[in-house]
Protein backbone atom coordinates (compact mmCIF):
# COMPACT_ATOMS: atom_id res chain seq x y z
CA UNK A 1 188.60 151.90 31.68
CA UNK A 2 185.24 152.40 29.24
CA UNK A 3 187.39 150.45 25.84
CA UNK A 4 187.07 147.20 28.57
CA UNK A 5 183.54 145.44 29.28
CA UNK A 6 182.89 145.18 32.82
CA UNK A 7 185.05 142.18 34.46
CA UNK A 8 185.63 140.97 38.25
CA UNK A 9 189.11 139.77 37.10
CA UNK A 10 190.06 143.79 36.66
CA UNK A 11 188.18 144.88 39.26
CA UNK A 12 189.84 142.64 41.78
CA UNK A 13 193.24 143.44 40.66
CA UNK A 14 192.25 147.47 40.61
CA UNK A 15 190.86 147.43 44.44
CA UNK A 16 194.12 146.24 45.94
CA UNK A 17 196.34 149.07 45.60
CA UNK A 18 193.51 151.68 46.37
CA UNK A 19 192.89 149.88 49.60
CA UNK A 20 196.27 150.07 50.73
CA UNK A 21 196.54 153.58 49.82
CA UNK A 22 193.07 154.83 51.72
CA UNK A 23 193.86 153.04 54.54
CA UNK A 24 197.82 154.69 54.50
CA UNK A 25 195.95 157.84 54.48
CA UNK A 26 193.93 156.89 57.29
CA UNK A 27 196.56 156.39 59.48
CA UNK A 28 198.56 159.69 58.56
CA UNK A 29 195.25 161.34 59.44
CA UNK A 30 194.62 160.01 62.37
CA UNK A 31 197.96 160.26 63.24
CA UNK A 32 198.54 164.06 62.40
CA UNK A 33 195.46 164.62 65.08
CA UNK A 34 197.61 165.39 68.57
CA UNK A 35 194.77 166.28 71.04
CA UNK A 36 193.28 163.13 72.66
CA UNK A 37 189.92 165.20 72.47
CA UNK A 38 190.41 165.44 68.88
CA UNK A 39 191.73 162.05 68.46
CA UNK A 40 188.60 160.94 69.88
CA UNK A 41 185.83 162.97 67.90
CA UNK A 42 188.14 162.69 64.51
CA UNK A 43 188.95 158.89 65.12
CA UNK A 44 184.83 158.02 65.23
CA UNK A 45 183.75 160.54 62.23
CA UNK A 46 186.25 159.46 59.72
CA UNK A 47 186.10 155.70 60.78
CA UNK A 48 182.25 155.68 61.07
CA UNK A 49 181.83 157.87 58.08
CA UNK A 50 184.10 155.22 55.90
CA UNK A 51 181.77 152.56 57.19
CA UNK A 52 178.72 153.97 56.74
CA UNK A 53 179.70 154.97 52.85
CA UNK A 54 180.70 151.10 52.67
CA UNK A 55 177.26 150.00 54.62
CA UNK A 56 175.53 152.11 52.16
CA UNK A 57 176.72 151.21 49.12
CA UNK A 58 176.90 147.30 49.94
CA UNK A 59 173.66 147.71 49.97
CA UNK A 60 172.29 149.06 47.20
CA UNK A 61 174.85 146.48 45.79
CA UNK A 62 172.37 143.77 47.44
CA UNK A 63 169.61 145.21 46.93
CA UNK A 64 170.46 145.61 42.77
CA UNK A 65 171.30 142.20 42.88
CA UNK A 66 168.11 140.81 44.67
CA UNK A 67 165.61 142.94 42.32
CA UNK A 68 168.15 141.34 39.56
CA UNK A 69 167.85 137.53 40.76
CA UNK A 70 164.00 138.45 41.25
CA UNK A 71 163.19 139.57 37.92
CA UNK A 72 165.52 136.92 36.10
CA UNK A 73 164.35 133.93 38.55
CA UNK A 74 163.29 131.64 35.77
CA UNK A 75 167.24 131.65 34.86
CA UNK A 76 168.22 130.15 38.31
CA UNK A 77 167.86 126.62 39.03
CA UNK A 78 167.65 125.97 43.52
CA UNK A 79 169.78 122.69 42.59
CA UNK A 80 171.19 120.73 40.23
CA UNK A 81 169.70 117.63 39.14
CA UNK A 82 171.47 114.18 39.02
CA UNK A 83 171.11 113.84 35.65
CA UNK A 84 171.80 117.29 34.80
CA UNK A 85 175.36 116.78 37.37
CA UNK A 86 175.89 113.26 34.88
CA UNK A 87 175.92 115.18 31.78
CA UNK A 88 178.48 117.92 33.03
CA UNK A 89 180.70 114.50 33.76
CA UNK A 90 179.97 113.05 30.59
CA UNK A 91 181.16 116.39 28.83
CA UNK A 92 184.32 116.38 31.25
CA UNK A 93 184.89 112.45 30.33
CA UNK A 94 183.83 112.80 26.34
CA UNK A 95 185.08 116.29 24.71
CA UNK A 96 188.40 117.66 24.37
CA UNK A 97 189.86 120.58 26.61
CA UNK A 98 188.89 123.62 24.34
CA UNK A 99 185.49 122.53 23.13
CA UNK A 100 183.24 125.27 23.58
CA UNK A 101 179.54 124.46 25.18
CA UNK A 102 176.63 126.32 25.09
CA UNK A 103 174.32 126.01 28.05
CA UNK A 104 171.43 128.53 28.96
CA UNK A 105 173.45 131.18 31.65
CA UNK A 106 172.99 129.36 34.92
CA UNK A 107 173.98 125.84 33.81
CA UNK A 108 176.74 127.76 32.13
CA UNK A 109 178.31 128.97 35.24
CA UNK A 110 178.04 125.63 36.74
CA UNK A 111 179.40 123.74 33.90
CA UNK A 112 183.29 124.82 33.68
CA UNK A 113 183.69 123.90 37.76
CA UNK A 114 182.23 120.40 36.70
CA UNK A 115 183.75 119.89 33.68
CA UNK A 116 186.43 121.63 33.11
CA UNK A 117 185.36 122.98 29.71
CA UNK A 118 184.63 126.61 28.32
CA UNK A 119 180.85 127.30 27.99
CA UNK A 120 180.02 130.30 25.30
CA UNK A 121 177.80 131.78 28.00
CA UNK A 122 178.59 131.44 31.89
CA UNK A 123 179.15 133.82 34.83
CA UNK A 124 177.63 137.47 34.14
CA UNK A 125 181.19 139.33 35.22
CA UNK A 126 183.79 136.57 33.94
CA UNK A 127 181.96 136.08 30.49
CA UNK A 128 183.72 138.79 28.53
CA UNK A 129 180.90 141.34 26.87
CA UNK A 130 178.19 139.06 28.47
CA UNK A 131 175.25 141.08 27.32
CA UNK A 132 176.16 140.92 23.41
CA UNK A 133 176.68 136.92 23.83
CA UNK A 134 173.52 135.92 25.98
CA UNK A 135 171.39 138.33 23.34
CA UNK A 136 172.85 136.44 21.07
CA UNK A 137 172.43 133.23 22.00
CA UNK A 138 168.69 134.16 23.03
CA UNK A 139 168.12 135.66 19.24
CA UNK A 140 168.92 132.15 17.97
CA UNK A 141 167.69 129.62 20.33
CA UNK A 142 164.50 131.01 20.19
CA UNK A 143 163.83 132.15 16.51
CA UNK A 144 163.04 128.60 14.71
CA UNK A 145 165.69 129.11 11.88
CA UNK A 146 167.87 126.04 11.76
CA UNK A 147 170.14 127.77 9.07
CA UNK A 148 170.85 130.88 11.15
CA UNK A 149 171.41 128.60 14.28
CA UNK A 150 173.70 126.32 12.54
CA UNK A 151 175.60 129.76 11.28
CA UNK A 152 175.83 130.67 14.86
CA UNK A 153 177.06 127.72 16.37
CA UNK A 154 180.04 127.58 13.54
CA UNK A 155 180.85 131.18 14.09
CA UNK A 156 181.02 131.00 18.23
CA UNK A 157 183.08 127.48 17.33
CA UNK A 158 180.69 125.66 20.01
CA UNK A 159 181.09 122.04 20.23
CA UNK A 160 178.29 121.29 22.17
CA UNK A 161 174.90 122.11 23.47
CA UNK A 162 173.79 121.42 27.38
CA UNK A 163 170.21 121.04 27.61
CA UNK A 164 168.59 120.92 31.46
CA UNK A 165 165.41 118.98 32.26
CA UNK A 166 164.09 122.67 33.36
CA UNK A 167 166.38 124.59 30.82
CA UNK A 168 163.98 127.55 29.18
CA UNK A 169 165.34 127.53 26.11
CA UNK A 170 164.67 123.29 25.94
CA UNK A 171 161.30 124.39 23.72
CA UNK A 172 163.23 126.24 21.36
CA UNK A 173 166.33 123.44 21.07
CA UNK A 174 164.27 120.02 20.77
CA UNK A 175 163.29 120.94 17.18
CA UNK A 176 166.81 121.67 16.12
CA UNK A 177 168.09 118.09 17.52
CA UNK A 178 166.02 116.63 14.62
CA UNK A 179 168.49 118.91 12.33
CA UNK A 180 171.68 116.91 10.67
CA UNK A 181 174.29 119.58 12.22
CA UNK A 182 173.16 118.76 15.51
CA UNK A 183 172.60 115.05 17.29
CA UNK A 184 171.82 114.02 20.60
CA UNK A 185 175.11 112.21 22.40
CA UNK A 186 173.63 112.15 25.94
CA UNK A 187 170.36 112.11 27.29
CA UNK A 188 169.10 111.15 30.46
CA UNK A 189 165.67 111.89 31.88
CA UNK A 190 164.84 115.42 30.05
CA UNK A 191 168.08 116.52 30.10
CA UNK A 192 170.23 116.10 26.58
CA UNK A 193 173.47 116.85 25.25
CA UNK A 194 173.61 117.84 21.24
CA UNK A 195 176.82 117.43 19.29
CA UNK A 196 176.99 120.42 16.71
CA UNK A 197 178.61 119.29 13.38
């Protein structure tokens, strides 16, 4: 569907009828073959071909993901620090259910699970129009222009900015913490949360 951006929710629903139809077709092909000799040739060829094709496709996807993770390894922390986890729990206890949190994509993946809050940029496949949102976030987060960043926060309806101690955007968020439209509401050992006004 070219008019929709790729989303796992759409793909997951679509693959079920295709998998069922493919299974029915494979059973019908095997049932059509009456000769035992042909059945022992057709079954391994069709089944083996299907297995080989899916293996090649899955390996291609895995290699692509590995390349992406290798190139983007700076965006993936290897663990969640206690301080960062504490900040996410603070969000759960001190924010409204529909508040939108701005965080780098790695923590954008985790914040909804821990706090139950929405994020602007989260899981790559489950965030609608992820590439555009990430590019917009990156542009505003790395350009030291407080009026533009304030406008971005207001336009995107962002209530809080979560900054981890290992955040690659931390250097750019720090100067914004002194602006009147952002206030530090939680801080622990280098991780902090800003409230947008």
